[in-house]
N, C-alpha and C. Protein backbone atom coordinates (compact mmCIF):
# COMPACT_ATOMS: atom_id res chain seq x y z
N MET A 1 -34.53 9.48 12.07
CA MET A 1 -33.10 9.25 11.90
C MET A 1 -32.79 9.21 10.41
N ALA A 2 -31.67 9.75 10.07
CA ALA A 2 -31.27 9.84 8.67
C ALA A 2 -30.94 8.46 8.11
N SER A 3 -31.25 8.27 6.83
CA SER A 3 -30.85 7.04 6.17
C SER A 3 -29.67 7.37 5.27
N GLY A 4 -28.79 6.43 5.13
CA GLY A 4 -27.62 6.65 4.30
C GLY A 4 -26.39 6.10 4.98
N LEU A 5 -25.25 6.49 4.46
CA LEU A 5 -23.98 6.00 4.98
C LEU A 5 -23.13 7.14 5.50
N LEU A 6 -22.47 6.91 6.62
CA LEU A 6 -21.55 7.86 7.23
C LEU A 6 -20.12 7.43 6.91
N ASN A 7 -19.36 8.33 6.29
CA ASN A 7 -17.97 8.04 5.96
C ASN A 7 -17.15 8.09 7.25
N ILE A 8 -16.58 6.95 7.67
CA ILE A 8 -15.78 6.91 8.89
C ILE A 8 -14.29 6.87 8.58
N GLY A 9 -13.95 7.14 7.33
CA GLY A 9 -12.55 7.26 6.94
C GLY A 9 -11.98 6.06 6.23
N PHE A 10 -11.03 6.33 5.36
CA PHE A 10 -10.24 5.32 4.66
C PHE A 10 -11.10 4.36 3.85
N GLY A 11 -12.18 4.89 3.25
CA GLY A 11 -13.04 4.08 2.39
C GLY A 11 -14.03 3.22 3.15
N ASN A 12 -14.24 3.50 4.42
CA ASN A 12 -15.17 2.73 5.25
C ASN A 12 -16.41 3.56 5.57
N PHE A 13 -17.57 2.90 5.59
CA PHE A 13 -18.84 3.58 5.83
C PHE A 13 -19.67 2.78 6.82
N VAL A 14 -20.54 3.50 7.55
CA VAL A 14 -21.47 2.89 8.50
C VAL A 14 -22.86 3.42 8.19
N ALA A 15 -23.87 2.58 8.32
CA ALA A 15 -25.25 3.02 8.12
C ALA A 15 -25.61 4.00 9.24
N THR A 16 -25.99 5.23 8.86
CA THR A 16 -26.28 6.26 9.85
C THR A 16 -27.45 5.88 10.75
N ALA A 17 -28.40 5.13 10.24
CA ALA A 17 -29.55 4.73 11.04
C ALA A 17 -29.16 3.79 12.18
N ARG A 18 -28.01 3.15 12.09
CA ARG A 18 -27.57 2.20 13.11
C ARG A 18 -26.68 2.83 14.17
N VAL A 19 -26.20 4.05 13.95
CA VAL A 19 -25.27 4.71 14.89
C VAL A 19 -26.03 5.19 16.12
N THR A 20 -25.56 4.76 17.29
CA THR A 20 -26.14 5.17 18.56
C THR A 20 -25.29 6.27 19.18
N ALA A 21 -23.95 6.13 19.12
CA ALA A 21 -23.06 7.11 19.73
C ALA A 21 -21.72 7.12 19.02
N ILE A 22 -21.09 8.31 19.05
CA ILE A 22 -19.72 8.47 18.56
C ILE A 22 -18.96 9.08 19.73
N VAL A 23 -17.98 8.35 20.26
CA VAL A 23 -17.30 8.77 21.47
C VAL A 23 -15.78 8.82 21.31
N ASN A 24 -15.14 9.56 22.20
CA ASN A 24 -13.69 9.66 22.26
C ASN A 24 -13.14 8.41 22.95
N PRO A 25 -12.10 7.79 22.41
CA PRO A 25 -11.60 6.53 22.97
C PRO A 25 -10.64 6.67 24.15
N ALA A 26 -10.35 7.89 24.61
CA ALA A 26 -9.28 8.11 25.58
C ALA A 26 -9.61 7.67 27.00
N SER A 27 -10.88 7.61 27.38
CA SER A 27 -11.20 7.31 28.78
C SER A 27 -11.10 5.81 29.08
N SER A 28 -10.92 5.50 30.35
CA SER A 28 -10.84 4.10 30.78
C SER A 28 -12.10 3.30 30.48
N PRO A 29 -13.30 3.86 30.69
CA PRO A 29 -14.50 3.09 30.34
C PRO A 29 -14.56 2.73 28.85
N MET A 30 -14.10 3.62 28.00
CA MET A 30 -14.11 3.33 26.56
C MET A 30 -13.08 2.26 26.22
N ARG A 31 -11.96 2.25 26.91
CA ARG A 31 -10.97 1.18 26.70
C ARG A 31 -11.55 -0.17 27.12
N ARG A 32 -12.26 -0.18 28.25
CA ARG A 32 -12.90 -1.43 28.70
C ARG A 32 -13.97 -1.88 27.71
N LEU A 33 -14.75 -0.93 27.21
CA LEU A 33 -15.78 -1.24 26.22
C LEU A 33 -15.16 -1.89 24.99
N ARG A 34 -14.03 -1.33 24.54
CA ARG A 34 -13.34 -1.87 23.37
C ARG A 34 -12.84 -3.29 23.63
N GLU A 35 -12.26 -3.52 24.80
CA GLU A 35 -11.74 -4.85 25.12
C GLU A 35 -12.86 -5.87 25.27
N GLU A 36 -13.98 -5.48 25.88
CA GLU A 36 -15.13 -6.38 26.01
C GLU A 36 -15.67 -6.75 24.63
N ALA A 37 -15.75 -5.77 23.74
CA ALA A 37 -16.23 -6.03 22.39
C ALA A 37 -15.28 -6.96 21.65
N ARG A 38 -13.99 -6.79 21.84
CA ARG A 38 -13.01 -7.67 21.19
C ARG A 38 -13.19 -9.10 21.69
N THR A 39 -13.36 -9.27 23.00
CA THR A 39 -13.55 -10.59 23.60
C THR A 39 -14.82 -11.25 23.09
N ASP A 40 -15.89 -10.46 22.95
CA ASP A 40 -17.18 -10.98 22.51
C ASP A 40 -17.34 -11.04 21.00
N LYS A 41 -16.27 -10.71 20.25
CA LYS A 41 -16.29 -10.72 18.78
C LYS A 41 -17.31 -9.75 18.21
N ARG A 42 -17.45 -8.54 18.85
CA ARG A 42 -18.35 -7.49 18.38
C ARG A 42 -17.57 -6.27 17.91
N LEU A 43 -16.24 -6.38 17.82
CA LEU A 43 -15.38 -5.26 17.47
C LEU A 43 -15.08 -5.25 15.97
N ILE A 44 -15.24 -4.07 15.36
CA ILE A 44 -14.89 -3.88 13.95
C ILE A 44 -13.83 -2.80 13.91
N ASP A 45 -12.65 -3.15 13.44
CA ASP A 45 -11.54 -2.20 13.38
C ASP A 45 -11.45 -1.61 11.97
N ALA A 46 -11.85 -0.34 11.84
CA ALA A 46 -11.82 0.34 10.54
C ALA A 46 -10.74 1.43 10.53
N THR A 47 -9.69 1.24 11.33
CA THR A 47 -8.63 2.26 11.43
C THR A 47 -7.57 2.13 10.34
N GLN A 48 -7.55 1.02 9.65
CA GLN A 48 -6.54 0.76 8.61
C GLN A 48 -5.13 0.85 9.20
N GLY A 49 -4.97 0.40 10.44
CA GLY A 49 -3.66 0.38 11.08
C GLY A 49 -3.25 1.69 11.72
N ARG A 50 -4.10 2.67 11.68
CA ARG A 50 -3.79 3.97 12.29
C ARG A 50 -4.29 4.01 13.73
N LYS A 51 -3.96 5.09 14.43
CA LYS A 51 -4.38 5.27 15.81
C LYS A 51 -5.91 5.43 15.87
N THR A 52 -6.54 4.80 16.86
CA THR A 52 -7.99 4.94 17.06
C THR A 52 -8.28 6.32 17.61
N ARG A 53 -9.10 7.09 16.90
CA ARG A 53 -9.45 8.44 17.31
C ARG A 53 -10.92 8.60 17.65
N ALA A 54 -11.73 7.57 17.33
CA ALA A 54 -13.15 7.60 17.68
C ALA A 54 -13.68 6.17 17.79
N ILE A 55 -14.66 6.01 18.66
CA ILE A 55 -15.36 4.74 18.80
C ILE A 55 -16.82 4.99 18.45
N ILE A 56 -17.35 4.17 17.55
CA ILE A 56 -18.74 4.28 17.13
C ILE A 56 -19.49 3.09 17.71
N ILE A 57 -20.58 3.38 18.41
CA ILE A 57 -21.40 2.34 19.01
C ILE A 57 -22.69 2.25 18.19
N THR A 58 -23.06 1.03 17.81
CA THR A 58 -24.25 0.84 16.99
C THR A 58 -25.41 0.28 17.82
N ASP A 59 -26.59 0.29 17.23
CA ASP A 59 -27.77 -0.22 17.93
C ASP A 59 -27.73 -1.73 18.09
N SER A 60 -26.88 -2.41 17.35
CA SER A 60 -26.71 -3.86 17.50
C SER A 60 -25.61 -4.19 18.50
N ASN A 61 -25.12 -3.16 19.21
CA ASN A 61 -24.09 -3.28 20.24
C ASN A 61 -22.72 -3.65 19.66
N HIS A 62 -22.50 -3.41 18.38
CA HIS A 62 -21.17 -3.56 17.80
C HIS A 62 -20.38 -2.29 18.07
N ILE A 63 -19.07 -2.45 18.18
CA ILE A 63 -18.17 -1.34 18.44
C ILE A 63 -17.27 -1.21 17.21
N ILE A 64 -17.26 -0.01 16.62
CA ILE A 64 -16.47 0.24 15.41
C ILE A 64 -15.40 1.27 15.75
N LEU A 65 -14.15 0.94 15.44
CA LEU A 65 -13.04 1.85 15.67
C LEU A 65 -12.74 2.63 14.40
N SER A 66 -12.53 3.94 14.55
CA SER A 66 -12.23 4.79 13.40
C SER A 66 -10.96 5.59 13.66
N GLY A 67 -10.24 5.87 12.60
CA GLY A 67 -9.03 6.69 12.69
C GLY A 67 -9.32 8.18 12.51
N ILE A 68 -10.60 8.55 12.42
CA ILE A 68 -11.01 9.95 12.26
C ILE A 68 -11.49 10.46 13.62
N GLN A 69 -11.21 11.73 13.93
CA GLN A 69 -11.62 12.33 15.20
C GLN A 69 -13.13 12.24 15.40
N ALA A 70 -13.57 12.04 16.66
CA ALA A 70 -14.99 11.95 16.98
C ALA A 70 -15.72 13.24 16.59
N GLU A 71 -15.07 14.39 16.77
CA GLU A 71 -15.69 15.67 16.41
C GLU A 71 -15.96 15.75 14.91
N THR A 72 -15.02 15.28 14.12
CA THR A 72 -15.18 15.28 12.67
C THR A 72 -16.33 14.36 12.25
N LEU A 73 -16.37 13.17 12.85
CA LEU A 73 -17.45 12.23 12.53
C LEU A 73 -18.80 12.81 12.94
N GLY A 74 -18.84 13.46 14.10
CA GLY A 74 -20.08 14.08 14.56
C GLY A 74 -20.56 15.15 13.60
N ALA A 75 -19.63 15.96 13.10
CA ALA A 75 -19.99 17.01 12.14
C ALA A 75 -20.50 16.40 10.84
N ARG A 76 -19.87 15.32 10.37
CA ARG A 76 -20.33 14.64 9.16
C ARG A 76 -21.73 14.06 9.36
N PHE A 77 -21.95 13.48 10.55
CA PHE A 77 -23.25 12.90 10.87
C PHE A 77 -24.34 13.96 10.86
N GLU A 78 -24.07 15.11 11.51
CA GLU A 78 -25.03 16.20 11.55
C GLU A 78 -25.32 16.76 10.16
N ALA A 79 -24.27 16.93 9.36
CA ALA A 79 -24.44 17.45 8.01
C ALA A 79 -25.29 16.51 7.17
N GLN A 80 -25.08 15.23 7.33
CA GLN A 80 -25.85 14.26 6.57
C GLN A 80 -27.30 14.24 7.03
N GLU A 81 -27.54 14.38 8.33
CA GLU A 81 -28.91 14.44 8.84
C GLU A 81 -29.65 15.67 8.28
N GLU A 82 -28.95 16.80 8.22
CA GLU A 82 -29.55 18.02 7.67
C GLU A 82 -29.87 17.85 6.19
N ASP A 83 -28.98 17.19 5.45
CA ASP A 83 -29.22 16.96 4.02
C ASP A 83 -30.48 16.12 3.80
N HIS A 84 -30.68 15.12 4.64
CA HIS A 84 -31.84 14.23 4.48
C HIS A 84 -33.13 14.86 5.04
N ALA A 85 -32.99 15.80 5.96
CA ALA A 85 -34.17 16.44 6.55
C ALA A 85 -34.75 17.51 5.64
N GLY A 86 -33.87 18.18 4.90
CA GLY A 86 -34.31 19.30 4.08
C GLY A 86 -34.60 18.91 2.72
């Protein structure tokens, strides 16, 4: 797994080694996941007041909300992995 930081938008970063999944927030299960994390105090809102466009799940079971599209974050993650691999 790549080491470093993933830019999740608006000056916020996540350790790439801790990212388990980057998902689209539109489905009902993802909404429930977000609400459960909020209740359990595991939710980190990094949207800066904007609409949530991606949910990042970490290996510590924290849920991070981002205002950047999941596809964009996935592309950034892959590019960073390639940079560290080569």
